[in-house]
N, C-alpha and C. Protein backbone atom coordinates (compact mmCIF):
# COMPACT_ATOMS: atom_id res chain seq x y z
N MET A 1 34.30 197.87 -9.61
CA MET A 1 35.04 196.62 -9.42
C MET A 1 36.50 196.84 -9.80
N ALA A 2 37.41 196.28 -9.01
CA ALA A 2 38.84 196.48 -9.22
C ALA A 2 39.33 195.74 -10.47
N LYS A 3 40.33 196.35 -11.09
CA LYS A 3 40.95 195.74 -12.27
C LYS A 3 42.37 195.32 -11.94
N LEU A 4 42.85 194.31 -12.66
CA LEU A 4 44.21 193.83 -12.51
C LEU A 4 45.16 194.91 -13.02
N SER A 5 46.08 195.37 -12.18
CA SER A 5 46.96 196.48 -12.55
C SER A 5 48.09 196.04 -13.47
N VAL A 6 48.51 194.78 -13.37
CA VAL A 6 49.59 194.26 -14.21
C VAL A 6 49.06 193.03 -14.93
N ALA A 7 49.03 193.11 -16.25
CA ALA A 7 48.54 191.98 -17.05
C ALA A 7 49.45 190.77 -16.87
N VAL A 8 48.89 189.60 -17.09
CA VAL A 8 49.68 188.37 -17.04
C VAL A 8 50.80 188.49 -18.07
N ASN A 9 52.01 188.16 -17.65
CA ASN A 9 53.17 188.31 -18.52
C ASN A 9 54.16 187.17 -18.31
N GLU A 10 55.33 187.27 -18.94
CA GLU A 10 56.31 186.17 -18.90
C GLU A 10 56.89 185.95 -17.50
N GLN A 11 56.70 186.90 -16.58
CA GLN A 11 57.17 186.72 -15.20
C GLN A 11 56.25 185.78 -14.41
N ASP A 12 55.02 185.62 -14.89
CA ASP A 12 54.04 184.82 -14.15
C ASP A 12 54.20 183.33 -14.39
N GLN A 13 53.75 182.58 -13.40
CA GLN A 13 53.65 181.12 -13.53
C GLN A 13 52.24 180.84 -14.05
N VAL A 14 52.17 180.23 -15.24
CA VAL A 14 50.89 180.10 -15.94
C VAL A 14 50.68 178.66 -16.41
N GLN A 15 49.44 178.22 -16.32
CA GLN A 15 49.01 176.95 -16.90
C GLN A 15 47.90 177.25 -17.88
N GLY A 16 47.92 176.56 -19.01
CA GLY A 16 46.87 176.76 -20.02
C GLY A 16 47.39 177.61 -21.16
N PRO A 17 46.67 177.54 -22.28
CA PRO A 17 47.13 178.24 -23.49
C PRO A 17 47.01 179.76 -23.40
N ALA A 18 47.98 180.45 -23.99
CA ALA A 18 48.00 181.93 -23.99
C ALA A 18 46.77 182.49 -24.69
N ASP A 19 46.21 181.75 -25.64
CA ASP A 19 45.05 182.24 -26.39
C ASP A 19 43.71 181.77 -25.81
N ALA A 20 43.73 181.26 -24.58
CA ALA A 20 42.48 180.84 -23.94
C ALA A 20 41.56 182.06 -23.83
N PRO A 21 40.24 181.87 -24.00
CA PRO A 21 39.32 183.01 -23.92
C PRO A 21 39.22 183.61 -22.51
N VAL A 22 39.60 182.84 -21.48
CA VAL A 22 39.52 183.34 -20.12
C VAL A 22 40.84 183.09 -19.40
N THR A 23 41.30 184.15 -18.72
CA THR A 23 42.47 184.04 -17.84
C THR A 23 42.01 184.28 -16.42
N LEU A 24 42.29 183.31 -15.56
CA LEU A 24 41.98 183.39 -14.14
C LEU A 24 43.29 183.63 -13.41
N VAL A 25 43.36 184.71 -12.65
CA VAL A 25 44.54 185.02 -11.85
C VAL A 25 44.15 184.90 -10.38
N GLU A 26 44.99 184.20 -9.63
CA GLU A 26 44.77 184.10 -8.17
C GLU A 26 45.96 184.72 -7.46
N TYR A 27 45.65 185.62 -6.54
CA TYR A 27 46.64 186.09 -5.58
C TYR A 27 46.46 185.19 -4.37
N GLY A 28 47.49 184.39 -4.06
CA GLY A 28 47.36 183.40 -3.01
C GLY A 28 48.50 183.38 -2.03
N ASP A 29 48.26 182.70 -0.93
CA ASP A 29 49.18 182.55 0.20
C ASP A 29 49.17 181.05 0.52
N TYR A 30 50.33 180.41 0.40
CA TYR A 30 50.41 178.95 0.59
C TYR A 30 50.03 178.49 1.99
N GLN A 31 50.07 179.38 2.97
CA GLN A 31 49.73 178.98 4.34
C GLN A 31 48.29 179.37 4.71
N CYS A 32 47.63 180.12 3.86
CA CYS A 32 46.27 180.57 4.12
C CYS A 32 45.28 179.41 4.01
N PRO A 33 44.53 179.11 5.09
CA PRO A 33 43.57 178.00 5.02
C PRO A 33 42.50 178.20 3.94
N THR A 34 42.09 179.43 3.71
CA THR A 34 41.08 179.69 2.69
C THR A 34 41.65 179.44 1.30
N CYS A 35 42.92 179.77 1.09
CA CYS A 35 43.57 179.44 -0.19
C CYS A 35 43.66 177.92 -0.34
N GLY A 36 43.88 177.24 0.78
CA GLY A 36 43.88 175.78 0.76
C GLY A 36 42.53 175.24 0.32
N ASP A 37 41.44 175.91 0.74
CA ASP A 37 40.10 175.52 0.31
C ASP A 37 39.89 175.81 -1.18
N ALA A 38 40.49 176.89 -1.67
CA ALA A 38 40.32 177.28 -3.07
C ALA A 38 41.11 176.40 -4.02
N TYR A 39 42.21 175.84 -3.54
CA TYR A 39 43.11 175.04 -4.39
C TYR A 39 42.38 173.93 -5.17
N PRO A 40 41.59 173.05 -4.52
CA PRO A 40 40.91 172.01 -5.30
C PRO A 40 39.83 172.58 -6.23
N ILE A 41 39.28 173.74 -5.88
CA ILE A 41 38.27 174.38 -6.74
C ILE A 41 38.93 174.82 -8.05
N VAL A 42 40.10 175.42 -7.96
CA VAL A 42 40.83 175.83 -9.16
C VAL A 42 41.16 174.61 -10.02
N LYS A 43 41.58 173.52 -9.39
CA LYS A 43 41.88 172.28 -10.12
C LYS A 43 40.63 171.80 -10.88
N ARG A 44 39.47 171.85 -10.22
CA ARG A 44 38.22 171.44 -10.87
C ARG A 44 37.88 172.35 -12.04
N LEU A 45 38.10 173.66 -11.86
CA LEU A 45 37.83 174.61 -12.95
C LEU A 45 38.73 174.31 -14.15
N GLN A 46 39.99 174.03 -13.89
CA GLN A 46 40.92 173.74 -14.97
C GLN A 46 40.48 172.49 -15.73
N LYS A 47 40.04 171.49 -14.99
CA LYS A 47 39.58 170.25 -15.63
C LYS A 47 38.30 170.51 -16.44
N HIS A 48 37.39 171.27 -15.84
CA HIS A 48 36.09 171.57 -16.46
C HIS A 48 36.26 172.37 -17.75
N PHE A 49 37.10 173.40 -17.73
CA PHE A 49 37.21 174.30 -18.88
C PHE A 49 38.32 173.94 -19.85
N GLY A 50 39.26 173.10 -19.43
CA GLY A 50 40.33 172.66 -20.33
C GLY A 50 41.06 173.84 -20.97
N ASN A 51 41.18 173.79 -22.31
CA ASN A 51 41.93 174.80 -23.05
C ASN A 51 41.25 176.17 -23.14
N LYS A 52 40.05 176.28 -22.58
CA LYS A 52 39.36 177.58 -22.57
C LYS A 52 39.81 178.44 -21.38
N LEU A 53 40.65 177.86 -20.49
CA LEU A 53 41.05 178.57 -19.28
C LEU A 53 42.56 178.58 -19.14
N ARG A 54 43.09 179.77 -18.90
CA ARG A 54 44.50 179.95 -18.55
C ARG A 54 44.50 180.40 -17.09
N PHE A 55 45.39 179.82 -16.29
CA PHE A 55 45.46 180.12 -14.86
C PHE A 55 46.84 180.63 -14.50
N ALA A 56 46.87 181.74 -13.77
CA ALA A 56 48.13 182.29 -13.28
C ALA A 56 48.05 182.42 -11.76
N HIS A 57 49.12 182.02 -11.10
CA HIS A 57 49.21 182.16 -9.64
C HIS A 57 50.21 183.25 -9.32
N ARG A 58 49.80 184.19 -8.46
CA ARG A 58 50.69 185.24 -7.97
C ARG A 58 50.75 185.16 -6.45
N ASN A 59 51.90 185.51 -5.91
CA ASN A 59 52.14 185.39 -4.47
C ASN A 59 51.65 186.61 -3.72
N PHE A 60 50.95 186.35 -2.64
CA PHE A 60 50.49 187.42 -1.75
C PHE A 60 50.57 186.89 -0.31
N PRO A 61 51.81 186.62 0.17
CA PRO A 61 51.95 186.05 1.51
C PRO A 61 51.53 187.05 2.58
N LEU A 62 50.61 186.64 3.42
CA LEU A 62 50.10 187.51 4.47
C LEU A 62 51.05 187.50 5.67
N PRO A 63 51.23 188.66 6.31
CA PRO A 63 52.22 188.76 7.39
C PRO A 63 51.93 187.86 8.60
N GLN A 64 50.67 187.49 8.82
CA GLN A 64 50.35 186.66 9.98
C GLN A 64 50.72 185.19 9.76
N HIS A 65 51.11 184.83 8.53
CA HIS A 65 51.50 183.45 8.23
C HIS A 65 53.02 183.37 8.13
N ASP A 66 53.65 182.82 9.16
CA ASP A 66 55.11 182.78 9.26
C ASP A 66 55.79 182.07 8.10
N PHE A 67 55.14 181.07 7.53
CA PHE A 67 55.79 180.27 6.48
C PHE A 67 55.30 180.61 5.07
N ALA A 68 54.42 181.60 4.95
CA ALA A 68 53.87 181.94 3.64
C ALA A 68 54.94 182.46 2.68
N GLU A 69 55.78 183.38 3.14
CA GLU A 69 56.80 183.91 2.25
C GLU A 69 57.86 182.86 1.90
N PRO A 70 58.42 182.11 2.86
CA PRO A 70 59.37 181.08 2.45
C PRO A 70 58.73 180.01 1.55
N ALA A 71 57.44 179.75 1.73
CA ALA A 71 56.75 178.80 0.84
C ALA A 71 56.71 179.37 -0.57
N ALA A 72 56.38 180.65 -0.69
CA ALA A 72 56.36 181.30 -2.02
C ALA A 72 57.75 181.27 -2.65
N GLU A 73 58.78 181.55 -1.84
CA GLU A 73 60.15 181.50 -2.34
C GLU A 73 60.51 180.09 -2.80
N THR A 74 60.04 179.09 -2.05
CA THR A 74 60.29 177.69 -2.40
C THR A 74 59.66 177.35 -3.75
N ALA A 75 58.44 177.84 -3.97
CA ALA A 75 57.76 177.59 -5.25
C ALA A 75 58.52 178.26 -6.40
N LEU A 76 59.00 179.48 -6.17
CA LEU A 76 59.75 180.17 -7.22
C LEU A 76 61.11 179.52 -7.46
N PHE A 77 61.73 178.99 -6.41
CA PHE A 77 62.96 178.21 -6.57
C PHE A 77 62.66 177.00 -7.46
N ALA A 78 61.56 176.32 -7.18
CA ALA A 78 61.18 175.14 -7.97
C ALA A 78 60.94 175.52 -9.43
N ALA A 79 60.42 176.74 -9.66
CA ALA A 79 60.18 177.20 -11.03
C ALA A 79 61.48 177.22 -11.83
N LYS A 80 62.58 177.61 -11.17
CA LYS A 80 63.88 177.64 -11.84
C LYS A 80 64.28 176.25 -12.32
N GLY A 81 63.79 175.22 -11.64
CA GLY A 81 64.06 173.84 -12.04
C GLY A 81 62.93 173.23 -12.85
N GLY A 82 62.01 174.09 -13.33
CA GLY A 82 60.90 173.60 -14.15
C GLY A 82 59.85 172.83 -13.37
N LYS A 83 59.78 173.05 -12.07
CA LYS A 83 58.86 172.28 -11.22
C LYS A 83 57.92 173.17 -10.41
N PHE A 84 57.61 174.36 -10.93
CA PHE A 84 56.75 175.26 -10.16
C PHE A 84 55.42 174.61 -9.78
N TRP A 85 54.71 174.09 -10.78
CA TRP A 85 53.36 173.60 -10.50
C TRP A 85 53.37 172.39 -9.60
N GLU A 86 54.40 171.54 -9.73
CA GLU A 86 54.51 170.40 -8.82
C GLU A 86 54.70 170.89 -7.38
N MET A 87 55.53 171.92 -7.21
CA MET A 87 55.77 172.46 -5.86
C MET A 87 54.53 173.20 -5.36
N HIS A 88 53.91 173.99 -6.22
CA HIS A 88 52.67 174.70 -5.88
C HIS A 88 51.65 173.71 -5.30
N ASP A 89 51.43 172.62 -6.03
CA ASP A 89 50.45 171.62 -5.60
C ASP A 89 50.89 170.96 -4.29
N ALA A 90 52.17 170.60 -4.19
CA ALA A 90 52.67 169.92 -3.00
C ALA A 90 52.55 170.81 -1.76
N LEU A 91 52.80 172.11 -1.92
CA LEU A 91 52.68 173.03 -0.78
C LEU A 91 51.24 173.08 -0.28
N TYR A 92 50.29 173.20 -1.21
CA TYR A 92 48.89 173.23 -0.78
C TYR A 92 48.45 171.88 -0.20
N GLU A 93 48.93 170.80 -0.79
CA GLU A 93 48.53 169.47 -0.32
C GLU A 93 49.16 169.11 1.02
N ASN A 94 50.22 169.82 1.41
CA ASN A 94 50.89 169.57 2.69
C ASN A 94 50.79 170.77 3.62
N GLN A 95 49.78 171.59 3.40
CA GLN A 95 49.62 172.85 4.13
C GLN A 95 49.60 172.64 5.66
N ALA A 96 49.04 171.55 6.11
CA ALA A 96 48.90 171.29 7.55
C ALA A 96 50.26 171.11 8.24
N ARG A 97 51.30 170.78 7.48
CA ARG A 97 52.62 170.59 8.10
C ARG A 97 53.65 171.58 7.56
N MET A 98 53.20 172.79 7.31
CA MET A 98 54.05 173.83 6.73
C MET A 98 55.15 174.25 7.70
N ASP A 99 56.40 173.99 7.31
CA ASP A 99 57.56 174.45 8.06
C ASP A 99 58.80 174.34 7.17
N ASP A 100 59.93 174.79 7.67
CA ASP A 100 61.17 174.79 6.89
C ASP A 100 61.58 173.39 6.45
N GLU A 101 61.35 172.41 7.31
CA GLU A 101 61.69 171.02 6.96
C GLU A 101 60.90 170.55 5.75
N LEU A 102 59.63 170.94 5.70
CA LEU A 102 58.78 170.54 4.58
C LEU A 102 59.35 171.05 3.26
N PHE A 103 59.83 172.29 3.23
CA PHE A 103 60.35 172.87 1.99
C PHE A 103 61.52 172.04 1.46
N SER A 104 62.45 171.67 2.33
CA SER A 104 63.60 170.85 1.92
C SER A 104 63.14 169.48 1.45
N GLU A 105 62.22 168.90 2.20
CA GLU A 105 61.70 167.57 1.87
C GLU A 105 61.04 167.56 0.48
N LEU A 106 60.19 168.56 0.22
CA LEU A 106 59.51 168.63 -1.07
C LEU A 106 60.50 168.87 -2.20
N ALA A 107 61.50 169.71 -1.94
CA ALA A 107 62.53 169.96 -2.96
C ALA A 107 63.20 168.65 -3.34
N GLU A 108 63.61 167.88 -2.34
CA GLU A 108 64.25 166.58 -2.60
C GLU A 108 63.32 165.66 -3.39
N GLU A 109 62.04 165.59 -2.97
CA GLU A 109 61.07 164.73 -3.66
C GLU A 109 60.93 165.09 -5.13
N LEU A 110 61.09 166.39 -5.43
CA LEU A 110 60.94 166.85 -6.82
C LEU A 110 62.27 166.84 -7.57
N GLY A 111 63.32 166.29 -6.94
CA GLY A 111 64.61 166.19 -7.61
C GLY A 111 65.37 167.51 -7.64
N LEU A 112 65.04 168.41 -6.72
CA LEU A 112 65.73 169.70 -6.63
C LEU A 112 66.72 169.64 -5.47
N ASN A 113 67.73 170.48 -5.50
CA ASN A 113 68.76 170.47 -4.48
C ASN A 113 68.31 171.28 -3.26
N ALA A 114 68.11 170.60 -2.15
CA ALA A 114 67.63 171.24 -0.92
C ALA A 114 68.65 172.24 -0.38
N ASP A 115 69.95 171.96 -0.55
CA ASP A 115 70.97 172.90 -0.09
C ASP A 115 70.89 174.21 -0.88
N ASP A 116 70.70 174.09 -2.19
CA ASP A 116 70.55 175.29 -3.02
C ASP A 116 69.30 176.07 -2.63
N LEU A 117 68.23 175.34 -2.31
CA LEU A 117 67.00 176.00 -1.85
C LEU A 117 67.28 176.78 -0.57
N ASN A 118 67.93 176.13 0.39
CA ASN A 118 68.20 176.80 1.67
C ASN A 118 69.08 178.03 1.48
N LYS A 119 70.04 177.96 0.58
CA LYS A 119 70.89 179.13 0.29
C LYS A 119 70.04 180.25 -0.31
N ALA A 120 69.15 179.90 -1.23
CA ALA A 120 68.28 180.90 -1.87
C ALA A 120 67.36 181.55 -0.83
N LEU A 121 66.85 180.74 0.10
CA LEU A 121 65.98 181.27 1.16
C LEU A 121 66.76 182.22 2.06
N LEU A 122 67.98 181.85 2.43
CA LEU A 122 68.80 182.70 3.29
C LEU A 122 69.16 184.02 2.61
N LYS A 123 69.45 183.95 1.31
CA LYS A 123 69.82 185.14 0.55
C LYS A 123 68.62 186.00 0.17
N GLY A 124 67.41 185.43 0.24
CA GLY A 124 66.22 186.17 -0.20
C GLY A 124 66.19 186.34 -1.70
N THR A 125 66.70 185.35 -2.41
CA THR A 125 66.83 185.41 -3.87
C THR A 125 65.53 185.79 -4.56
N PHE A 126 64.41 185.25 -4.07
CA PHE A 126 63.14 185.44 -4.76
C PHE A 126 62.25 186.51 -4.13
N GLU A 127 62.76 187.18 -3.10
CA GLU A 127 61.97 188.22 -2.44
C GLU A 127 61.54 189.35 -3.40
N PRO A 128 62.43 189.81 -4.31
CA PRO A 128 61.98 190.87 -5.23
C PRO A 128 60.78 190.46 -6.09
N ARG A 129 60.75 189.20 -6.53
CA ARG A 129 59.62 188.73 -7.33
C ARG A 129 58.34 188.72 -6.50
N ILE A 130 58.44 188.29 -5.26
CA ILE A 130 57.27 188.25 -4.38
C ILE A 130 56.79 189.67 -4.09
N GLU A 131 57.74 190.57 -3.86
CA GLU A 131 57.38 191.98 -3.63
C GLU A 131 56.67 192.57 -4.84
N ALA A 132 57.12 192.21 -6.04
CA ALA A 132 56.46 192.69 -7.27
C ALA A 132 55.03 192.16 -7.35
N ASP A 133 54.82 190.88 -7.01
CA ASP A 133 53.46 190.31 -7.00
C ASP A 133 52.60 191.06 -5.98
N MET A 134 53.16 191.30 -4.80
CA MET A 134 52.38 191.97 -3.75
C MET A 134 52.03 193.39 -4.16
N GLU A 135 52.98 194.11 -4.75
CA GLU A 135 52.70 195.48 -5.21
C GLU A 135 51.60 195.49 -6.26
N SER A 136 51.69 194.57 -7.23
CA SER A 136 50.66 194.52 -8.26
C SER A 136 49.31 194.16 -7.65
N GLY A 137 49.33 193.29 -6.63
CA GLY A 137 48.10 192.94 -5.94
C GLY A 137 47.49 194.14 -5.23
N GLU A 138 48.34 194.86 -4.49
CA GLU A 138 47.84 196.03 -3.77
C GLU A 138 47.29 197.08 -4.74
N GLU A 139 47.99 197.29 -5.86
CA GLU A 139 47.52 198.24 -6.88
C GLU A 139 46.20 197.78 -7.50
N SER A 140 45.95 196.48 -7.44
CA SER A 140 44.73 195.89 -8.02
C SER A 140 43.61 195.77 -6.99
N GLY A 141 43.86 196.24 -5.77
CA GLY A 141 42.81 196.20 -4.74
C GLY A 141 42.77 194.91 -3.94
N VAL A 142 43.84 194.13 -3.97
CA VAL A 142 43.88 192.89 -3.19
C VAL A 142 44.15 193.25 -1.72
N HIS A 143 43.30 192.74 -0.84
CA HIS A 143 43.47 192.99 0.60
C HIS A 143 43.63 191.70 1.37
N GLY A 144 43.28 190.59 0.76
CA GLY A 144 43.37 189.29 1.43
C GLY A 144 43.47 188.19 0.39
N THR A 145 43.58 186.96 0.88
CA THR A 145 43.71 185.83 -0.02
C THR A 145 42.65 184.79 0.29
N PRO A 146 42.23 184.05 -0.74
CA PRO A 146 42.57 184.24 -2.14
C PRO A 146 41.75 185.37 -2.76
N THR A 147 42.35 186.06 -3.72
CA THR A 147 41.62 187.04 -4.53
C THR A 147 41.78 186.62 -5.98
N PHE A 148 40.65 186.54 -6.67
CA PHE A 148 40.64 186.09 -8.06
C PHE A 148 40.29 187.22 -9.01
N PHE A 149 40.89 187.18 -10.19
CA PHE A 149 40.58 188.09 -11.29
C PHE A 149 40.24 187.23 -12.50
N ILE A 150 39.16 187.59 -13.16
CA ILE A 150 38.73 186.88 -14.37
C ILE A 150 38.81 187.87 -15.52
N ASN A 151 39.70 187.58 -16.45
CA ASN A 151 39.98 188.49 -17.57
C ASN A 151 40.20 189.92 -17.09
N GLY A 152 41.00 190.03 -16.04
CA GLY A 152 41.42 191.35 -15.57
C GLY A 152 40.48 192.04 -14.61
N GLN A 153 39.29 191.49 -14.39
CA GLN A 153 38.32 192.08 -13.46
C GLN A 153 38.29 191.27 -12.16
N GLN A 154 38.34 191.97 -11.03
CA GLN A 154 38.28 191.25 -9.75
C GLN A 154 36.94 190.54 -9.63
N HIS A 155 36.99 189.28 -9.26
CA HIS A 155 35.78 188.49 -9.03
C HIS A 155 35.25 188.86 -7.65
N ALA A 156 34.07 189.49 -7.63
CA ALA A 156 33.53 190.03 -6.37
C ALA A 156 32.79 188.99 -5.55
N GLY A 157 32.29 187.96 -6.18
CA GLY A 157 31.49 186.98 -5.46
C GLY A 157 32.35 185.96 -4.73
N SER A 158 31.67 184.99 -4.17
CA SER A 158 32.34 183.89 -3.48
C SER A 158 33.16 183.10 -4.50
N PHE A 159 34.20 182.42 -4.01
CA PHE A 159 34.98 181.59 -4.94
C PHE A 159 34.46 180.15 -4.96
N ALA A 160 33.21 179.97 -4.55
CA ALA A 160 32.60 178.64 -4.65
C ALA A 160 32.65 178.20 -6.12
N TYR A 161 32.83 176.93 -6.33
CA TYR A 161 32.97 176.37 -7.68
C TYR A 161 31.87 176.87 -8.62
N GLU A 162 30.62 176.77 -8.20
CA GLU A 162 29.49 177.14 -9.06
C GLU A 162 29.56 178.62 -9.45
N ASN A 163 29.92 179.48 -8.51
CA ASN A 163 30.03 180.92 -8.79
C ASN A 163 31.12 181.20 -9.81
N LEU A 164 32.28 180.56 -9.65
CA LEU A 164 33.37 180.77 -10.60
C LEU A 164 33.02 180.21 -11.98
N VAL A 165 32.35 179.06 -12.01
CA VAL A 165 31.93 178.49 -13.30
C VAL A 165 31.02 179.48 -14.03
N LYS A 166 30.03 180.04 -13.33
CA LYS A 166 29.11 181.01 -13.95
C LYS A 166 29.88 182.23 -14.49
N ALA A 167 30.79 182.75 -13.68
CA ALA A 167 31.54 183.94 -14.08
C ALA A 167 32.44 183.65 -15.28
N ILE A 168 33.06 182.49 -15.30
CA ILE A 168 33.94 182.11 -16.42
C ILE A 168 33.10 181.87 -17.67
N GLU A 169 31.98 181.18 -17.51
CA GLU A 169 31.10 180.92 -18.67
C GLU A 169 30.59 182.23 -19.27
N ALA A 170 30.26 183.20 -18.42
CA ALA A 170 29.80 184.50 -18.91
C ALA A 170 30.89 185.18 -19.73
N GLU A 171 32.14 185.05 -19.31
CA GLU A 171 33.27 185.64 -20.06
C GLU A 171 33.47 184.93 -21.40
N ILE A 172 33.31 183.61 -21.39
CA ILE A 172 33.48 182.85 -22.64
C ILE A 172 32.43 183.28 -23.65
N LYS A 173 31.20 183.51 -23.18
CA LYS A 173 30.10 183.90 -24.07
C LYS A 173 30.25 185.32 -24.59
N SER A 174 30.90 186.17 -23.81
CA SER A 174 30.95 187.60 -24.21
C SER A 174 31.99 187.93 -25.25
């Protein structure tokens, strides 16, 4: 089973306490329909496990999704304004209408400057961070999205809620 090549660190966008017994890492693509299916499952897991679970999202935009990389850049732009998770959620919740207009609209809704976002997208300001996530994913055996790691080990089974609950509970007990 594949292991996470780069441990969760200060570069990552993380929810939950650093001392949680379980860290769940997702390599995701904001335009991937399967990641869209996984999004509410992760929310349920966070609610179910509370402070026992730390969650980190890493970007793995797939080349067949035209808006995946700009969506990831938009989320990282939002992080600079302290709104990463709000943007992360909004991107998944508006996945069906993913386009450049959506990014500006969501930025405005979150009180971020859409002009600054567009400049950052044009300059590729956040591309190095996305490339770093993708490299760490490839080194960790990620080939598609979503790919989950539980305490550094790739989760081999389905990402169905019940399967992830069992795997997380097993880690908590161990």
